[in-house]
Amino acid sequence: MYDPSMRVLTVLELLQAHEEVSGADLARRLELSPATLRRRLADEGASWQRLKDGVRRELALQHLAEGRLTVDEIAARLGFEDAST
């Protein structure tokens, strides 16, 4: 069965620590139009931004638990403008 949320999460998890991903980039990587991706995610009650935010949150928590990076370094790696975000 086609599960767009899981495909999006997989791509985001692979890319998140390395680059900023837009909805259009994500759709292209999944070989879908942006409108089709939005529609399929909406059918599941999801959005790429919410999925992306969840991945960023999980990565931030992992980095904090590891204790090797400062909060500012984690924020920068995950694409936040500042650590307060």
N, C-alpha and C. Protein backbone atom coordinates (compact mmCIF):
# COMPACT_ATOMS: atom_id res chain seq x y z
N MET A 1 0.84 -1.19 0.00
CA MET A 1 0.00 0.00 0.00
C MET A 1 0.88 1.25 0.00
N TYR A 2 0.49 2.26 -0.72
CA TYR A 2 1.24 3.51 -0.82
C TYR A 2 1.05 4.31 0.46
N ASP A 3 2.14 4.68 1.09
CA ASP A 3 2.08 5.44 2.33
C ASP A 3 2.93 6.70 2.18
N PRO A 4 2.34 7.81 1.72
CA PRO A 4 3.12 9.00 1.46
C PRO A 4 3.84 9.54 2.69
N SER A 5 3.22 9.47 3.85
CA SER A 5 3.87 9.99 5.06
C SER A 5 5.17 9.26 5.35
N MET A 6 5.16 7.95 5.23
CA MET A 6 6.37 7.19 5.49
C MET A 6 7.46 7.50 4.47
N ARG A 7 7.07 7.66 3.21
CA ARG A 7 8.05 8.02 2.18
C ARG A 7 8.64 9.39 2.47
N VAL A 8 7.80 10.34 2.87
CA VAL A 8 8.28 11.68 3.20
C VAL A 8 9.22 11.61 4.39
N LEU A 9 8.83 10.90 5.43
CA LEU A 9 9.69 10.77 6.61
C LEU A 9 11.04 10.16 6.27
N THR A 10 11.04 9.15 5.43
CA THR A 10 12.30 8.52 5.03
C THR A 10 13.22 9.51 4.35
N VAL A 11 12.69 10.26 3.40
CA VAL A 11 13.51 11.26 2.69
C VAL A 11 13.98 12.34 3.65
N LEU A 12 13.10 12.84 4.49
CA LEU A 12 13.48 13.89 5.43
C LEU A 12 14.56 13.42 6.40
N GLU A 13 14.42 12.21 6.91
CA GLU A 13 15.42 11.69 7.84
C GLU A 13 16.78 11.56 7.17
N LEU A 14 16.79 11.17 5.90
CA LEU A 14 18.05 11.04 5.19
C LEU A 14 18.69 12.39 4.90
N LEU A 15 17.87 13.41 4.64
CA LEU A 15 18.39 14.69 4.20
C LEU A 15 18.50 15.75 5.29
N GLN A 16 17.70 15.65 6.31
CA GLN A 16 17.52 16.76 7.25
C GLN A 16 18.81 17.30 7.84
N ALA A 17 19.69 16.46 8.21
CA ALA A 17 20.91 16.94 8.85
C ALA A 17 21.85 17.59 7.85
N HIS A 18 21.56 17.47 6.57
CA HIS A 18 22.50 17.94 5.56
C HIS A 18 22.00 19.10 4.71
N GLU A 19 20.72 19.24 4.57
CA GLU A 19 20.22 20.31 3.70
C GLU A 19 18.79 20.69 4.03
N GLU A 20 18.43 21.88 3.67
CA GLU A 20 17.06 22.37 3.82
C GLU A 20 16.23 21.78 2.69
N VAL A 21 15.04 21.32 2.98
CA VAL A 21 14.19 20.68 1.99
C VAL A 21 12.87 21.44 1.90
N SER A 22 12.51 21.86 0.69
CA SER A 22 11.22 22.50 0.49
C SER A 22 10.20 21.45 0.08
N GLY A 23 8.94 21.83 0.10
CA GLY A 23 7.89 20.93 -0.35
C GLY A 23 8.07 20.54 -1.80
N ALA A 24 8.48 21.49 -2.63
CA ALA A 24 8.71 21.20 -4.05
C ALA A 24 9.88 20.23 -4.23
N ASP A 25 10.96 20.43 -3.45
CA ASP A 25 12.11 19.51 -3.51
C ASP A 25 11.68 18.10 -3.13
N LEU A 26 10.91 18.04 -2.07
CA LEU A 26 10.46 16.74 -1.58
C LEU A 26 9.59 16.03 -2.61
N ALA A 27 8.67 16.76 -3.20
CA ALA A 27 7.80 16.17 -4.23
C ALA A 27 8.63 15.65 -5.39
N ARG A 28 9.61 16.44 -5.83
CA ARG A 28 10.47 16.03 -6.93
C ARG A 28 11.23 14.74 -6.58
N ARG A 29 11.76 14.67 -5.38
CA ARG A 29 12.49 13.46 -4.96
C ARG A 29 11.59 12.23 -4.91
N LEU A 30 10.31 12.46 -4.65
CA LEU A 30 9.35 11.36 -4.60
C LEU A 30 8.67 11.13 -5.94
N GLU A 31 9.10 11.89 -6.94
CA GLU A 31 8.56 11.79 -8.30
C GLU A 31 7.06 12.06 -8.34
N LEU A 32 6.66 13.12 -7.64
CA LEU A 32 5.27 13.56 -7.60
C LEU A 32 5.25 15.06 -7.85
N SER A 33 4.11 15.56 -8.29
CA SER A 33 3.96 17.01 -8.36
C SER A 33 3.72 17.51 -6.93
N PRO A 34 4.07 18.76 -6.64
CA PRO A 34 3.79 19.29 -5.30
C PRO A 34 2.32 19.18 -4.91
N ALA A 35 1.42 19.43 -5.87
CA ALA A 35 -0.02 19.35 -5.57
C ALA A 35 -0.43 17.92 -5.22
N THR A 36 0.11 16.95 -5.93
CA THR A 36 -0.22 15.54 -5.64
C THR A 36 0.30 15.14 -4.27
N LEU A 37 1.52 15.55 -3.95
CA LEU A 37 2.08 15.23 -2.64
C LEU A 37 1.22 15.86 -1.54
N ARG A 38 0.87 17.14 -1.70
CA ARG A 38 0.02 17.80 -0.69
C ARG A 38 -1.30 17.08 -0.53
N ARG A 39 -1.91 16.70 -1.65
CA ARG A 39 -3.22 16.03 -1.60
C ARG A 39 -3.11 14.67 -0.92
N ARG A 40 -2.09 13.90 -1.26
CA ARG A 40 -1.94 12.57 -0.65
C ARG A 40 -1.65 12.67 0.83
N LEU A 41 -0.83 13.63 1.22
CA LEU A 41 -0.57 13.81 2.65
C LEU A 41 -1.82 14.29 3.36
N ALA A 42 -2.56 15.21 2.74
CA ALA A 42 -3.80 15.71 3.35
C ALA A 42 -4.80 14.58 3.55
N ASP A 43 -4.83 13.62 2.62
CA ASP A 43 -5.72 12.47 2.76
C ASP A 43 -5.39 11.67 4.02
N GLU A 44 -4.13 11.75 4.45
CA GLU A 44 -3.71 11.07 5.68
C GLU A 44 -3.79 11.98 6.91
N GLY A 45 -4.18 13.23 6.69
CA GLY A 45 -4.21 14.19 7.78
C GLY A 45 -2.83 14.71 8.13
N ALA A 46 -1.93 14.70 7.17
CA ALA A 46 -0.55 15.13 7.39
C ALA A 46 -0.18 16.25 6.43
N SER A 47 0.97 16.84 6.66
CA SER A 47 1.55 17.81 5.74
C SER A 47 3.06 17.64 5.79
N TRP A 48 3.74 18.05 4.71
CA TRP A 48 5.18 17.87 4.70
C TRP A 48 5.82 18.73 5.78
N GLN A 49 5.28 19.91 6.05
CA GLN A 49 5.87 20.78 7.07
C GLN A 49 5.76 20.15 8.46
N ARG A 50 4.62 19.57 8.77
CA ARG A 50 4.46 18.92 10.09
C ARG A 50 5.39 17.72 10.20
N LEU A 51 5.50 16.94 9.13
CA LEU A 51 6.42 15.81 9.14
C LEU A 51 7.86 16.28 9.30
N LYS A 52 8.20 17.32 8.56
CA LYS A 52 9.54 17.89 8.63
C LYS A 52 9.83 18.41 10.05
N ASP A 53 8.88 19.11 10.64
CA ASP A 53 9.06 19.61 12.00
C ASP A 53 9.27 18.47 12.99
N GLY A 54 8.55 17.38 12.79
CA GLY A 54 8.71 16.22 13.67
C GLY A 54 10.09 15.60 13.55
N VAL A 55 10.59 15.51 12.33
CA VAL A 55 11.94 14.96 12.13
C VAL A 55 12.97 15.88 12.77
N ARG A 56 12.83 17.17 12.58
CA ARG A 56 13.77 18.12 13.17
C ARG A 56 13.75 18.03 14.70
N ARG A 57 12.57 17.89 15.26
CA ARG A 57 12.43 17.76 16.72
C ARG A 57 13.15 16.51 17.22
N GLU A 58 12.92 15.38 16.54
CA GLU A 58 13.56 14.13 16.95
C GLU A 58 15.08 14.22 16.84
N LEU A 59 15.57 14.82 15.76
CA LEU A 59 17.01 14.99 15.61
C LEU A 59 17.57 15.90 16.70
N ALA A 60 16.87 16.96 17.02
CA ALA A 60 17.32 17.86 18.08
C ALA A 60 17.41 17.12 19.41
N LEU A 61 16.39 16.33 19.72
CA LEU A 61 16.40 15.55 20.96
C LEU A 61 17.55 14.54 20.99
N GLN A 62 17.81 13.91 19.85
CA GLN A 62 18.94 12.97 19.78
C GLN A 62 20.26 13.68 20.05
N HIS A 63 20.45 14.83 19.40
CA HIS A 63 21.68 15.59 19.61
C HIS A 63 21.82 16.04 21.06
N LEU A 64 20.73 16.49 21.65
CA LEU A 64 20.78 16.92 23.05
C LEU A 64 21.14 15.76 23.97
N ALA A 65 20.56 14.60 23.71
CA ALA A 65 20.85 13.42 24.53
C ALA A 65 22.31 12.99 24.41
N GLU A 66 22.86 13.12 23.22
CA GLU A 66 24.26 12.75 23.01
C GLU A 66 25.20 13.70 23.74
N GLY A 67 24.82 14.95 23.86
CA GLY A 67 25.61 15.92 24.61
C GLY A 67 26.89 16.39 23.95
N ARG A 68 27.08 16.13 22.68
CA ARG A 68 28.32 16.54 22.01
C ARG A 68 28.24 17.92 21.39
N LEU A 69 27.04 18.41 21.15
CA LEU A 69 26.85 19.71 20.50
C LEU A 69 26.16 20.68 21.44
N THR A 70 26.46 21.95 21.26
CA THR A 70 25.73 22.98 22.02
C THR A 70 24.36 23.17 21.39
N VAL A 71 23.49 23.82 22.11
CA VAL A 71 22.15 24.11 21.59
C VAL A 71 22.26 24.96 20.32
N ASP A 72 23.18 25.92 20.32
CA ASP A 72 23.37 26.76 19.12
C ASP A 72 23.84 25.92 17.93
N GLU A 73 24.73 24.97 18.15
CA GLU A 73 25.22 24.11 17.07
C GLU A 73 24.09 23.23 16.52
N ILE A 74 23.28 22.71 17.43
CA ILE A 74 22.15 21.88 17.01
C ILE A 74 21.17 22.71 16.17
N ALA A 75 20.87 23.90 16.64
CA ALA A 75 19.95 24.78 15.91
C ALA A 75 20.48 25.06 14.51
N ALA A 76 21.76 25.35 14.41
CA ALA A 76 22.37 25.64 13.10
C ALA A 76 22.31 24.42 12.19
N ARG A 77 22.62 23.25 12.71
CA ARG A 77 22.60 22.02 11.90
C ARG A 77 21.23 21.69 11.38
N LEU A 78 20.22 22.00 12.16
CA LEU A 78 18.86 21.64 11.78
C LEU A 78 18.12 22.75 11.06
N GLY A 79 18.82 23.85 10.77
CA GLY A 79 18.23 24.90 9.95
C GLY A 79 17.37 25.90 10.68
N PHE A 80 17.48 25.96 12.00
CA PHE A 80 16.75 26.96 12.74
C PHE A 80 17.52 28.28 12.70
N GLU A 81 16.80 29.38 12.72
CA GLU A 81 17.47 30.68 12.66
C GLU A 81 18.23 30.97 13.94
N ASP A 82 17.71 30.52 15.07
CA ASP A 82 18.43 30.68 16.33
C ASP A 82 18.01 29.57 17.29
N ALA A 83 18.74 29.46 18.37
CA ALA A 83 18.52 28.36 19.31
C ALA A 83 17.17 28.44 20.01
N SER A 84 16.61 29.63 20.14
CA SER A 84 15.32 29.76 20.84
C SER A 84 14.18 29.10 20.10
N THR A 85 14.36 28.90 18.79
CA THR A 85 13.32 28.26 17.99
C THR A 85 13.22 26.81 18.37
